[in-house]
Amino acid sequence: MTGWTTQVEEPFAGEPKFWRAVALSTAALVTVFVAAVGSALVGAPAGLALFAVPVALLALSLTFARAASAHTRQQFADRIAWRDAERRAVGSALTGLVRRPR
């Protein structure tokens, strides 16, 4: 793992499905912007088809996120503790994607 990924707490740091969900969600966000620009250039209805890619990425991300959640939730005393830890992990992962040390 690179240095920025070590900022994510366990059990999330060692969960490959968590990382796939984060990566796919980030890719979906980028493709939404690309689809919006493309849609503006080609116009509707053809432009609306461009949004199929981010929707598909989000659906796939949701699949990985649910699988990761089912695995990591077992390691916490209650749902609130798990939810708070997952929020910190996602925040750390996204911050690491945006701001990598040089």
C-alpha atoms as a PDB file:
ATOM      1  CA  MET A   1       0.000   0.000   0.000  1.00  0.00           C
ATOM      2  CA  THR A   2       1.074   3.552  -0.599  1.00  0.00           C
ATOM      3  CA  GLY A   3       1.484   6.067   2.193  1.00  0.00           C
ATOM      4  CA  TRP A   4      -1.865   7.774   1.767  1.00  0.00           C
ATOM      5  CA  THR A   5      -3.808   4.532   2.076  1.00  0.00           C
ATOM      6  CA  THR A   6      -2.302   3.872   5.499  1.00  0.00           C
ATOM      7  CA  GLN A   7      -4.390   6.784   6.834  1.00  0.00           C
ATOM      8  CA  VAL A   8      -7.479   4.556   6.563  1.00  0.00           C
ATOM      9  CA  GLU A   9      -8.306   2.606   9.719  1.00  0.00           C
ATOM     10  CA  GLU A  10      -8.662  -1.148   9.919  1.00  0.00           C
ATOM     11  CA  PRO A  11     -10.742  -3.137   9.108  1.00  0.00           C
ATOM     12  CA  PHE A  12     -11.412  -0.910   6.086  1.00  0.00           C
ATOM     13  CA  ALA A  13      -7.787  -0.532   5.024  1.00  0.00           C
ATOM     14  CA  GLY A  14      -7.439  -4.273   4.550  1.00  0.00           C
ATOM     15  CA  GLU A  15     -10.798  -4.762   2.814  1.00  0.00           C
ATOM     16  CA  PRO A  16     -10.386  -4.963  -0.998  1.00  0.00           C
ATOM     17  CA  LYS A  17     -14.118  -4.509  -1.606  1.00  0.00           C
ATOM     18  CA  PHE A  18     -14.036  -1.232   0.319  1.00  0.00           C
ATOM     19  CA  TRP A  19     -11.290   0.046  -1.991  1.00  0.00           C
ATOM     20  CA  ARG A  20     -13.170  -1.099  -5.102  1.00  0.00           C
ATOM     21  CA  ALA A  21     -16.301   0.715  -3.920  1.00  0.00           C
ATOM     22  CA  VAL A  22     -14.345   3.919  -3.267  1.00  0.00           C
ATOM     23  CA  ALA A  23     -12.577   3.724  -6.636  1.00  0.00           C
ATOM     24  CA  LEU A  24     -15.785   3.034  -8.556  1.00  0.00           C
ATOM     25  CA  SER A  25     -17.624   5.841  -6.773  1.00  0.00           C
ATOM     26  CA  THR A  26     -14.818   8.251  -7.611  1.00  0.00           C
ATOM     27  CA  ALA A  27     -14.825   7.110 -11.237  1.00  0.00           C
ATOM     28  CA  ALA A  28     -18.604   7.587 -11.333  1.00  0.00           C
ATOM     29  CA  LEU A  29     -18.225  11.152 -10.089  1.00  0.00           C
ATOM     30  CA  VAL A  30     -15.705  11.933 -12.814  1.00  0.00           C
ATOM     31  CA  THR A  31     -17.866  10.339 -15.507  1.00  0.00           C
ATOM     32  CA  VAL A  32     -20.889  12.366 -14.380  1.00  0.00           C
ATOM     33  CA  PHE A  33     -18.953  15.531 -15.231  1.00  0.00           C
ATOM     34  CA  VAL A  34     -17.806  14.064 -18.541  1.00  0.00           C
ATOM     35  CA  ALA A  35     -21.367  12.986 -19.348  1.00  0.00           C
ATOM     36  CA  ALA A  36     -22.701  16.442 -18.480  1.00  0.00           C
ATOM     37  CA  VAL A  37     -20.224  18.135 -20.808  1.00  0.00           C
ATOM     38  CA  GLY A  38     -20.839  15.559 -23.521  1.00  0.00           C
ATOM     39  CA  SER A  39     -24.582  15.931 -23.130  1.00  0.00           C
ATOM     40  CA  ALA A  40     -24.308  19.686 -23.465  1.00  0.00           C
ATOM     41  CA  LEU A  41     -22.283  19.261 -26.652  1.00  0.00           C
ATOM     42  CA  VAL A  42     -24.457  16.661 -28.393  1.00  0.00           C
ATOM     43  CA  GLY A  43     -27.783  17.639 -26.834  1.00  0.00           C
ATOM     44  CA  ALA A  44     -30.605  15.530 -25.519  1.00  0.00           C
ATOM     45  CA  PRO A  45     -31.682  12.537 -26.141  1.00  0.00           C
ATOM     46  CA  ALA A  46     -28.312  11.284 -27.389  1.00  0.00           C
ATOM     47  CA  GLY A  47     -26.573  13.046 -24.515  1.00  0.00           C
ATOM     48  CA  LEU A  48     -28.692  11.260 -21.954  1.00  0.00           C
ATOM     49  CA  ALA A  49     -27.195   7.952 -23.055  1.00  0.00           C
ATOM     50  CA  LEU A  50     -23.832   9.200 -21.779  1.00  0.00           C
ATOM     51  CA  PHE A  51     -25.172   9.010 -18.234  1.00  0.00           C
ATOM     52  CA  ALA A  52     -25.463   5.225 -18.524  1.00  0.00           C
ATOM     53  CA  VAL A  53     -21.766   4.892 -17.665  1.00  0.00           C
ATOM     54  CA  PRO A  54     -21.895   6.687 -14.289  1.00  0.00           C
ATOM     55  CA  VAL A  55     -25.125   4.899 -13.387  1.00  0.00           C
ATOM     56  CA  ALA A  56     -23.497   1.543 -14.147  1.00  0.00           C
ATOM     57  CA  LEU A  57     -20.405   2.493 -12.118  1.00  0.00           C
ATOM     58  CA  LEU A  58     -22.568   3.528  -9.165  1.00  0.00           C
ATOM     59  CA  ALA A  59     -24.515   0.273  -9.317  1.00  0.00           C
ATOM     60  CA  LEU A  60     -21.297  -1.732  -9.316  1.00  0.00           C
ATOM     61  CA  SER A  61     -19.911   0.416  -6.504  1.00  0.00           C
ATOM     62  CA  LEU A  62     -23.036  -0.247  -4.456  1.00  0.00           C
ATOM     63  CA  THR A  63     -22.539  -3.982  -4.892  1.00  0.00           C
ATOM     64  CA  PHE A  64     -18.971  -3.802  -3.571  1.00  0.00           C
ATOM     65  CA  ALA A  65     -19.953  -1.391  -0.787  1.00  0.00           C
ATOM     66  CA  ARG A  66     -22.664  -3.732   0.491  1.00  0.00           C
ATOM     67  CA  ALA A  67     -20.275  -6.678   0.470  1.00  0.00           C
ATOM     68  CA  ALA A  68     -17.602  -4.661   2.288  1.00  0.00           C
ATOM     69  CA  SER A  69     -20.154  -3.417   4.810  1.00  0.00           C
ATOM     70  CA  ALA A  70     -21.369  -6.919   5.554  1.00  0.00           C
ATOM     71  CA  HIS A  71     -17.795  -7.995   6.276  1.00  0.00           C
ATOM     72  CA  THR A  72     -16.622  -4.972   8.289  1.00  0.00           C
ATOM     73  CA  ARG A  73     -19.793  -4.405  10.316  1.00  0.00           C
ATOM     74  CA  GLN A  74     -19.229  -7.674  12.191  1.00  0.00           C
ATOM     75  CA  GLN A  75     -16.076  -6.251  13.752  1.00  0.00           C
ATOM     76  CA  PHE A  76     -17.831  -3.450  15.645  1.00  0.00           C
ATOM     77  CA  ALA A  77     -19.909  -3.523  18.808  1.00  0.00           C
ATOM     78  CA  ASP A  78     -22.868  -1.728  17.264  1.00  0.00           C
ATOM     79  CA  ARG A  79     -24.082  -0.134  14.058  1.00  0.00           C
ATOM     80  CA  ILE A  80     -23.322   3.434  15.173  1.00  0.00           C
ATOM     81  CA  ALA A  81     -19.675   2.630  15.933  1.00  0.00           C
ATOM     82  CA  TRP A  82     -19.339   0.929  12.548  1.00  0.00           C
ATOM     83  CA  ARG A  83     -21.028   3.808  10.716  1.00  0.00           C
ATOM     84  CA  ASP A  84     -18.767   6.406  12.326  1.00  0.00           C
ATOM     85  CA  ALA A  85     -15.641   4.363  11.556  1.00  0.00           C
ATOM     86  CA  GLU A  86     -16.747   3.837   7.956  1.00  0.00           C
ATOM     87  CA  ARG A  87     -17.340   7.567   7.501  1.00  0.00           C
ATOM     88  CA  ARG A  88     -13.839   8.313   8.778  1.00  0.00           C
ATOM     89  CA  ALA A  89     -12.398   5.630   6.487  1.00  0.00           C
ATOM     90  CA  VAL A  90     -14.165   6.972   3.398  1.00  0.00           C
ATOM     91  CA  GLY A  91     -13.122  10.516   4.283  1.00  0.00           C
ATOM     92  CA  SER A  92      -9.511   9.444   4.725  1.00  0.00           C
ATOM     93  CA  ALA A  93      -9.553   7.496   1.465  1.00  0.00           C
ATOM     94  CA  LEU A  94     -11.013  10.380  -0.527  1.00  0.00           C
ATOM     95  CA  THR A  95      -8.671  12.899   1.073  1.00  0.00           C
ATOM     96  CA  GLY A  96      -5.757  10.650   0.143  1.00  0.00           C
ATOM     97  CA  LEU A  97      -6.942  10.475  -3.461  1.00  0.00           C
ATOM     98  CA  VAL A  98      -7.141  14.243  -3.742  1.00  0.00           C
ATOM     99  CA  ARG A  99      -4.114  15.245  -1.692  1.00  0.00           C
ATOM    100  CA  ARG A 100      -1.219  12.864  -2.154  1.00  0.00           C
ATOM    101  CA  PRO A 101       2.100  13.682  -0.500  1.00  0.00           C
ATOM    102  CA  ARG A 102       4.849  14.605  -2.921  1.00  0.00           C
END
